[in-house]
Amino acid sequence: GEIEYQNLGPSLKKVHRDHHTPGYLEGITKSKAEMLQPGFNTGYPIGGQIGKQVGYIIGVLQGLGLTEEEELARAEFSVENLLKRVDDSNTGFWDENADPIWEGIHPVIAKWIDRVEAL
């Protein structure tokens, strides 16, 4: 910890600095390399499906000239909203491991598909 580091003499502080930072960076780099691809492999299909569904909904609303509905849909389709993790108020769509807590179609998308198909 910080107290231990402060108690080291100047030469030991240099040894600590020389080895601690590179070790930390190596650990972070290795962890990213090991976790990045599996995370991408898991998230890409879900993100692609969400993007396709959002595009369909926005396209229908634009095609029908429903500007106000389109603006409302775009607000609800914000990245912050669609990717919101479940919080203390039990709102959100993803758990602490970034896994969806829903099955099938994202709840916000499902709501808008129902609205569009009712037009």
N, C-alpha and C. Protein backbone atom coordinates (compact mmCIF):
# COMPACT_ATOMS: atom_id res chain seq x y z
N GLY A 1 0.80 -1.19 0.00
CA GLY A 1 0.00 0.00 0.00
C GLY A 1 0.84 1.25 0.00
N GLU A 2 0.22 2.39 0.11
CA GLU A 2 0.89 3.69 0.08
C GLU A 2 1.81 3.87 1.27
N ILE A 3 1.40 3.45 2.45
CA ILE A 3 2.23 3.60 3.65
C ILE A 3 3.51 2.79 3.52
N GLU A 4 3.38 1.56 3.05
CA GLU A 4 4.55 0.71 2.86
C GLU A 4 5.53 1.36 1.89
N TYR A 5 5.03 1.93 0.80
CA TYR A 5 5.87 2.55 -0.21
C TYR A 5 6.62 3.74 0.38
N GLN A 6 5.95 4.52 1.21
CA GLN A 6 6.58 5.69 1.80
C GLN A 6 7.70 5.30 2.76
N ASN A 7 7.63 4.12 3.34
CA ASN A 7 8.65 3.67 4.28
C ASN A 7 9.89 3.09 3.59
N LEU A 8 9.84 2.93 2.27
CA LEU A 8 10.99 2.40 1.54
C LEU A 8 12.06 3.47 1.39
N GLY A 9 13.30 3.03 1.36
CA GLY A 9 14.40 3.96 1.09
C GLY A 9 14.40 4.35 -0.38
N PRO A 10 15.19 5.36 -0.76
CA PRO A 10 15.20 5.85 -2.14
C PRO A 10 15.53 4.77 -3.17
N SER A 11 16.50 3.91 -2.88
CA SER A 11 16.86 2.90 -3.88
C SER A 11 15.75 1.86 -4.03
N LEU A 12 15.09 1.50 -2.93
CA LEU A 12 14.00 0.54 -3.02
C LEU A 12 12.77 1.16 -3.70
N LYS A 13 12.57 2.46 -3.49
CA LYS A 13 11.47 3.13 -4.18
C LYS A 13 11.66 3.07 -5.69
N LYS A 14 12.93 3.26 -6.13
CA LYS A 14 13.22 3.19 -7.56
C LYS A 14 12.96 1.78 -8.08
N VAL A 15 13.38 0.76 -7.35
CA VAL A 15 13.14 -0.62 -7.77
C VAL A 15 11.63 -0.87 -7.85
N HIS A 16 10.91 -0.40 -6.85
CA HIS A 16 9.45 -0.57 -6.84
C HIS A 16 8.82 0.09 -8.06
N ARG A 17 9.19 1.34 -8.33
CA ARG A 17 8.64 2.06 -9.49
C ARG A 17 9.00 1.34 -10.79
N ASP A 18 10.24 0.90 -10.91
CA ASP A 18 10.71 0.28 -12.14
C ASP A 18 9.98 -1.03 -12.45
N HIS A 19 9.54 -1.73 -11.40
CA HIS A 19 8.93 -3.04 -11.62
C HIS A 19 7.41 -3.04 -11.44
N HIS A 20 6.92 -2.18 -10.57
CA HIS A 20 5.49 -2.16 -10.30
C HIS A 20 4.69 -1.69 -11.51
N THR A 21 5.02 -0.56 -12.09
CA THR A 21 4.26 -0.01 -13.21
C THR A 21 4.29 -0.93 -14.42
N PRO A 22 5.47 -1.42 -14.85
CA PRO A 22 5.46 -2.34 -15.99
C PRO A 22 4.65 -3.62 -15.71
N GLY A 23 4.73 -4.13 -14.48
CA GLY A 23 3.94 -5.32 -14.14
C GLY A 23 2.46 -5.06 -14.20
N TYR A 24 2.07 -3.92 -13.70
CA TYR A 24 0.65 -3.52 -13.73
C TYR A 24 0.18 -3.40 -15.18
N LEU A 25 0.97 -2.70 -15.99
CA LEU A 25 0.59 -2.51 -17.39
C LEU A 25 0.54 -3.84 -18.14
N GLU A 26 1.47 -4.72 -17.85
CA GLU A 26 1.48 -6.03 -18.49
C GLU A 26 0.22 -6.82 -18.11
N GLY A 27 -0.16 -6.74 -16.84
CA GLY A 27 -1.36 -7.43 -16.39
C GLY A 27 -2.61 -6.90 -17.06
N ILE A 28 -2.72 -5.59 -17.17
CA ILE A 28 -3.88 -4.97 -17.83
C ILE A 28 -3.91 -5.36 -19.30
N THR A 29 -2.76 -5.29 -19.96
CA THR A 29 -2.68 -5.62 -21.38
C THR A 29 -3.07 -7.06 -21.62
N LYS A 30 -2.56 -7.96 -20.81
CA LYS A 30 -2.89 -9.38 -20.97
C LYS A 30 -4.37 -9.63 -20.72
N SER A 31 -4.90 -9.01 -19.70
CA SER A 31 -6.31 -9.18 -19.37
C SER A 31 -7.19 -8.69 -20.51
N LYS A 32 -6.86 -7.53 -21.07
CA LYS A 32 -7.65 -6.99 -22.18
C LYS A 32 -7.62 -7.95 -23.36
N ALA A 33 -6.44 -8.46 -23.67
CA ALA A 33 -6.30 -9.36 -24.81
C ALA A 33 -7.13 -10.63 -24.61
N GLU A 34 -7.15 -11.13 -23.39
CA GLU A 34 -7.89 -12.36 -23.10
C GLU A 34 -9.39 -12.14 -23.06
N MET A 35 -9.84 -10.96 -22.69
CA MET A 35 -11.27 -10.71 -22.49
C MET A 35 -11.94 -9.97 -23.65
N LEU A 36 -11.18 -9.22 -24.41
CA LEU A 36 -11.77 -8.39 -25.45
C LEU A 36 -12.47 -9.21 -26.52
N GLN A 37 -11.80 -10.19 -27.08
CA GLN A 37 -12.40 -10.97 -28.16
C GLN A 37 -13.62 -11.75 -27.71
N PRO A 38 -13.56 -12.46 -26.57
CA PRO A 38 -14.78 -13.16 -26.13
C PRO A 38 -15.95 -12.20 -25.89
N GLY A 39 -15.66 -11.02 -25.34
CA GLY A 39 -16.72 -10.03 -25.13
C GLY A 39 -17.31 -9.56 -26.44
N PHE A 40 -16.44 -9.33 -27.41
CA PHE A 40 -16.91 -8.93 -28.74
C PHE A 40 -17.75 -10.04 -29.37
N ASN A 41 -17.27 -11.27 -29.28
CA ASN A 41 -17.99 -12.40 -29.87
C ASN A 41 -19.38 -12.56 -29.27
N THR A 42 -19.50 -12.29 -27.99
CA THR A 42 -20.80 -12.40 -27.32
C THR A 42 -21.71 -11.23 -27.67
N GLY A 43 -21.18 -10.02 -27.66
CA GLY A 43 -22.00 -8.83 -27.84
C GLY A 43 -22.35 -8.48 -29.27
N TYR A 44 -21.50 -8.87 -30.22
CA TYR A 44 -21.72 -8.46 -31.61
C TYR A 44 -23.07 -8.93 -32.17
N PRO A 45 -23.43 -10.20 -32.03
CA PRO A 45 -24.72 -10.62 -32.58
C PRO A 45 -25.91 -9.90 -31.94
N ILE A 46 -25.83 -9.67 -30.64
CA ILE A 46 -26.93 -8.97 -29.96
C ILE A 46 -27.01 -7.53 -30.47
N GLY A 47 -25.86 -6.86 -30.55
CA GLY A 47 -25.83 -5.48 -31.04
C GLY A 47 -26.29 -5.38 -32.48
N GLY A 48 -25.90 -6.35 -33.30
CA GLY A 48 -26.34 -6.35 -34.70
C GLY A 48 -27.84 -6.49 -34.82
N GLN A 49 -28.41 -7.38 -34.03
CA GLN A 49 -29.86 -7.59 -34.05
C GLN A 49 -30.59 -6.33 -33.58
N ILE A 50 -30.11 -5.72 -32.50
CA ILE A 50 -30.73 -4.48 -32.01
C ILE A 50 -30.64 -3.39 -33.07
N GLY A 51 -29.49 -3.25 -33.70
CA GLY A 51 -29.32 -2.23 -34.74
C GLY A 51 -30.26 -2.43 -35.91
N LYS A 52 -30.42 -3.66 -36.32
CA LYS A 52 -31.33 -3.99 -37.43
C LYS A 52 -32.78 -3.65 -37.06
N GLN A 53 -33.18 -3.97 -35.85
CA GLN A 53 -34.54 -3.70 -35.41
C GLN A 53 -34.80 -2.21 -35.27
N VAL A 54 -33.83 -1.48 -34.71
CA VAL A 54 -33.96 -0.02 -34.59
C VAL A 54 -34.06 0.60 -35.98
N GLY A 55 -33.23 0.14 -36.91
CA GLY A 55 -33.29 0.65 -38.28
C GLY A 55 -34.64 0.43 -38.93
N TYR A 56 -35.22 -0.73 -38.71
CA TYR A 56 -36.54 -1.03 -39.25
C TYR A 56 -37.58 -0.05 -38.71
N ILE A 57 -37.57 0.12 -37.40
CA ILE A 57 -38.57 1.00 -36.76
C ILE A 57 -38.42 2.44 -37.23
N ILE A 58 -37.20 2.95 -37.21
CA ILE A 58 -36.96 4.34 -37.66
C ILE A 58 -37.35 4.48 -39.13
N GLY A 59 -37.02 3.49 -39.94
CA GLY A 59 -37.36 3.53 -41.36
C GLY A 59 -38.85 3.60 -41.60
N VAL A 60 -39.61 2.81 -40.87
CA VAL A 60 -41.08 2.84 -41.02
C VAL A 60 -41.61 4.20 -40.60
N LEU A 61 -41.14 4.71 -39.47
CA LEU A 61 -41.63 6.00 -38.99
C LEU A 61 -41.27 7.12 -39.97
N GLN A 62 -40.06 7.08 -40.52
CA GLN A 62 -39.68 8.08 -41.52
C GLN A 62 -40.52 7.94 -42.78
N GLY A 63 -40.70 6.70 -43.21
CA GLY A 63 -41.47 6.45 -44.42
C GLY A 63 -42.91 6.95 -44.32
N LEU A 64 -43.45 6.89 -43.12
CA LEU A 64 -44.82 7.36 -42.90
C LEU A 64 -44.87 8.85 -42.54
N GLY A 65 -43.70 9.47 -42.45
CA GLY A 65 -43.65 10.90 -42.12
C GLY A 65 -44.04 11.22 -40.70
N LEU A 66 -43.88 10.28 -39.80
CA LEU A 66 -44.25 10.49 -38.39
C LEU A 66 -43.06 11.05 -37.61
N THR A 67 -42.78 12.30 -37.84
CA THR A 67 -41.60 12.96 -37.28
C THR A 67 -41.58 12.95 -35.76
N GLU A 68 -42.70 13.27 -35.13
CA GLU A 68 -42.73 13.30 -33.66
C GLU A 68 -42.50 11.91 -33.08
N GLU A 69 -43.13 10.90 -33.67
CA GLU A 69 -42.93 9.52 -33.22
C GLU A 69 -41.46 9.11 -33.41
N GLU A 70 -40.90 9.50 -34.54
CA GLU A 70 -39.50 9.17 -34.81
C GLU A 70 -38.58 9.79 -33.76
N GLU A 71 -38.81 11.04 -33.42
CA GLU A 71 -37.99 11.70 -32.40
C GLU A 71 -38.11 11.01 -31.05
N LEU A 72 -39.30 10.62 -30.70
CA LEU A 72 -39.53 9.91 -29.45
C LEU A 72 -38.81 8.55 -29.46
N ALA A 73 -38.93 7.83 -30.58
CA ALA A 73 -38.26 6.54 -30.70
C ALA A 73 -36.75 6.71 -30.60
N ARG A 74 -36.20 7.70 -31.31
CA ARG A 74 -34.75 7.92 -31.26
C ARG A 74 -34.28 8.21 -29.83
N ALA A 75 -35.07 8.95 -29.08
CA ALA A 75 -34.70 9.23 -27.69
C ALA A 75 -34.67 7.94 -26.87
N GLU A 76 -35.66 7.08 -27.08
CA GLU A 76 -35.70 5.83 -26.34
C GLU A 76 -34.64 4.84 -26.81
N PHE A 77 -34.16 5.01 -28.04
CA PHE A 77 -33.14 4.12 -28.60
C PHE A 77 -31.73 4.61 -28.32
N SER A 78 -31.58 5.56 -27.41
CA SER A 78 -30.23 6.04 -27.10
C SER A 78 -29.39 4.88 -26.55
N VAL A 79 -28.12 4.94 -26.78
CA VAL A 79 -27.21 3.90 -26.28
C VAL A 79 -27.33 3.79 -24.77
N GLU A 80 -27.40 4.93 -24.10
CA GLU A 80 -27.51 4.93 -22.64
C GLU A 80 -28.74 4.17 -22.16
N ASN A 81 -29.83 4.31 -22.89
CA ASN A 81 -31.07 3.64 -22.50
C ASN A 81 -31.05 2.16 -22.86
N LEU A 82 -30.68 1.84 -24.08
CA LEU A 82 -30.71 0.45 -24.52
C LEU A 82 -29.69 -0.42 -23.79
N LEU A 83 -28.58 0.17 -23.37
CA LEU A 83 -27.52 -0.61 -22.71
C LEU A 83 -27.50 -0.42 -21.20
N LYS A 84 -28.56 0.15 -20.65
CA LYS A 84 -28.60 0.43 -19.22
C LYS A 84 -28.56 -0.86 -18.40
N ARG A 85 -27.68 -0.87 -17.42
CA ARG A 85 -27.60 -2.01 -16.51
C ARG A 85 -28.66 -1.88 -15.42
N VAL A 86 -29.08 -3.01 -14.89
CA VAL A 86 -30.05 -3.01 -13.80
C VAL A 86 -29.43 -2.26 -12.62
N ASP A 87 -30.20 -1.36 -12.04
CA ASP A 87 -29.69 -0.57 -10.92
C ASP A 87 -30.50 -0.85 -9.66
N ASP A 88 -30.27 -0.04 -8.64
CA ASP A 88 -30.96 -0.23 -7.36
C ASP A 88 -32.48 -0.11 -7.46
N SER A 89 -32.95 0.66 -8.44
CA SER A 89 -34.39 0.80 -8.61
C SER A 89 -34.96 -0.31 -9.50
N ASN A 90 -34.11 -1.28 -9.81
CA ASN A 90 -34.49 -2.45 -10.61
C ASN A 90 -34.93 -2.07 -12.01
N THR A 91 -34.33 -1.02 -12.54
CA THR A 91 -34.57 -0.67 -13.94
C THR A 91 -33.29 -0.97 -14.71
N GLY A 92 -33.44 -1.22 -15.96
CA GLY A 92 -32.30 -1.55 -16.80
C GLY A 92 -32.53 -2.87 -17.51
N PHE A 93 -31.60 -3.21 -18.39
CA PHE A 93 -31.82 -4.36 -19.27
C PHE A 93 -30.67 -5.35 -19.26
N TRP A 94 -29.58 -5.07 -18.54
CA TRP A 94 -28.40 -5.91 -18.54
C TRP A 94 -27.95 -6.14 -17.11
N ASP A 95 -27.44 -7.33 -16.83
CA ASP A 95 -26.98 -7.61 -15.47
C ASP A 95 -25.55 -7.12 -15.28
N GLU A 96 -24.99 -7.38 -14.10
CA GLU A 96 -23.64 -6.89 -13.78
C GLU A 96 -22.57 -7.50 -14.66
N ASN A 97 -22.85 -8.60 -15.34
CA ASN A 97 -21.90 -9.22 -16.26
C ASN A 97 -22.14 -8.81 -17.71
N ALA A 98 -23.01 -7.81 -17.90
CA ALA A 98 -23.38 -7.30 -19.22
C ALA A 98 -24.14 -8.33 -20.04
N ASP A 99 -24.84 -9.24 -19.36
CA ASP A 99 -25.71 -10.19 -20.05
C ASP A 99 -27.13 -9.65 -20.02
N PRO A 100 -27.89 -9.85 -21.11
CA PRO A 100 -29.26 -9.35 -21.11
C PRO A 100 -30.12 -10.06 -20.08
N ILE A 101 -31.01 -9.32 -19.45
CA ILE A 101 -31.95 -9.93 -18.50
C ILE A 101 -33.27 -10.23 -19.19
N TRP A 102 -33.33 -10.05 -20.49
CA TRP A 102 -34.52 -10.30 -21.29
C TRP A 102 -34.21 -11.40 -22.29
N GLU A 103 -35.26 -12.03 -22.77
CA GLU A 103 -35.11 -13.05 -23.80
C GLU A 103 -35.85 -12.59 -25.05
N GLY A 104 -35.33 -12.97 -26.21
CA GLY A 104 -35.98 -12.61 -27.46
C GLY A 104 -35.62 -11.22 -27.91
N ILE A 105 -36.58 -10.33 -27.85
CA ILE A 105 -36.40 -8.95 -28.33
C ILE A 105 -36.24 -8.02 -27.13
N HIS A 106 -35.30 -7.09 -27.25
CA HIS A 106 -35.09 -6.07 -26.20
C HIS A 106 -36.45 -5.42 -25.90
N PRO A 107 -36.79 -5.22 -24.63
CA PRO A 107 -38.10 -4.67 -24.26
C PRO A 107 -38.45 -3.33 -24.91
N VAL A 108 -37.50 -2.44 -25.03
CA VAL A 108 -37.78 -1.14 -25.67
C VAL A 108 -38.08 -1.35 -27.15
N ILE A 109 -37.33 -2.21 -27.80
CA ILE A 109 -37.55 -2.50 -29.22
C ILE A 109 -38.92 -3.17 -29.40
N ALA A 110 -39.23 -4.14 -28.53
CA ALA A 110 -40.51 -4.86 -28.63
C ALA A 110 -41.68 -3.88 -28.54
N LYS A 111 -41.56 -2.93 -27.64
CA LYS A 111 -42.62 -1.92 -27.48
C LYS A 111 -42.82 -1.15 -28.79
N TRP A 112 -41.71 -0.75 -29.43
CA TRP A 112 -41.80 0.04 -30.65
C TRP A 112 -42.22 -0.81 -31.85
N ILE A 113 -41.83 -2.06 -31.89
CA ILE A 113 -42.30 -2.92 -32.97
C ILE A 113 -43.82 -3.04 -32.89
N ASP A 114 -44.34 -3.23 -31.69
CA ASP A 114 -45.80 -3.29 -31.51
C ASP A 114 -46.47 -2.00 -31.98
N ARG A 115 -45.87 -0.86 -31.64
CA ARG A 115 -46.44 0.44 -32.05
C ARG A 115 -46.44 0.60 -33.56
N VAL A 116 -45.31 0.23 -34.18
CA VAL A 116 -45.17 0.38 -35.63
C VAL A 116 -46.12 -0.56 -36.36
N GLU A 117 -46.23 -1.77 -35.88
CA GLU A 117 -47.11 -2.74 -36.55
C GLU A 117 -48.58 -2.38 -36.38
N ALA A 118 -48.91 -1.57 -35.38
CA ALA A 118 -50.29 -1.13 -35.17
C ALA A 118 -50.67 0.04 -36.08
N LEU A 119 -49.69 0.63 -36.76
CA LEU A 119 -49.97 1.80 -37.61
C LEU A 119 -50.71 1.40 -38.88
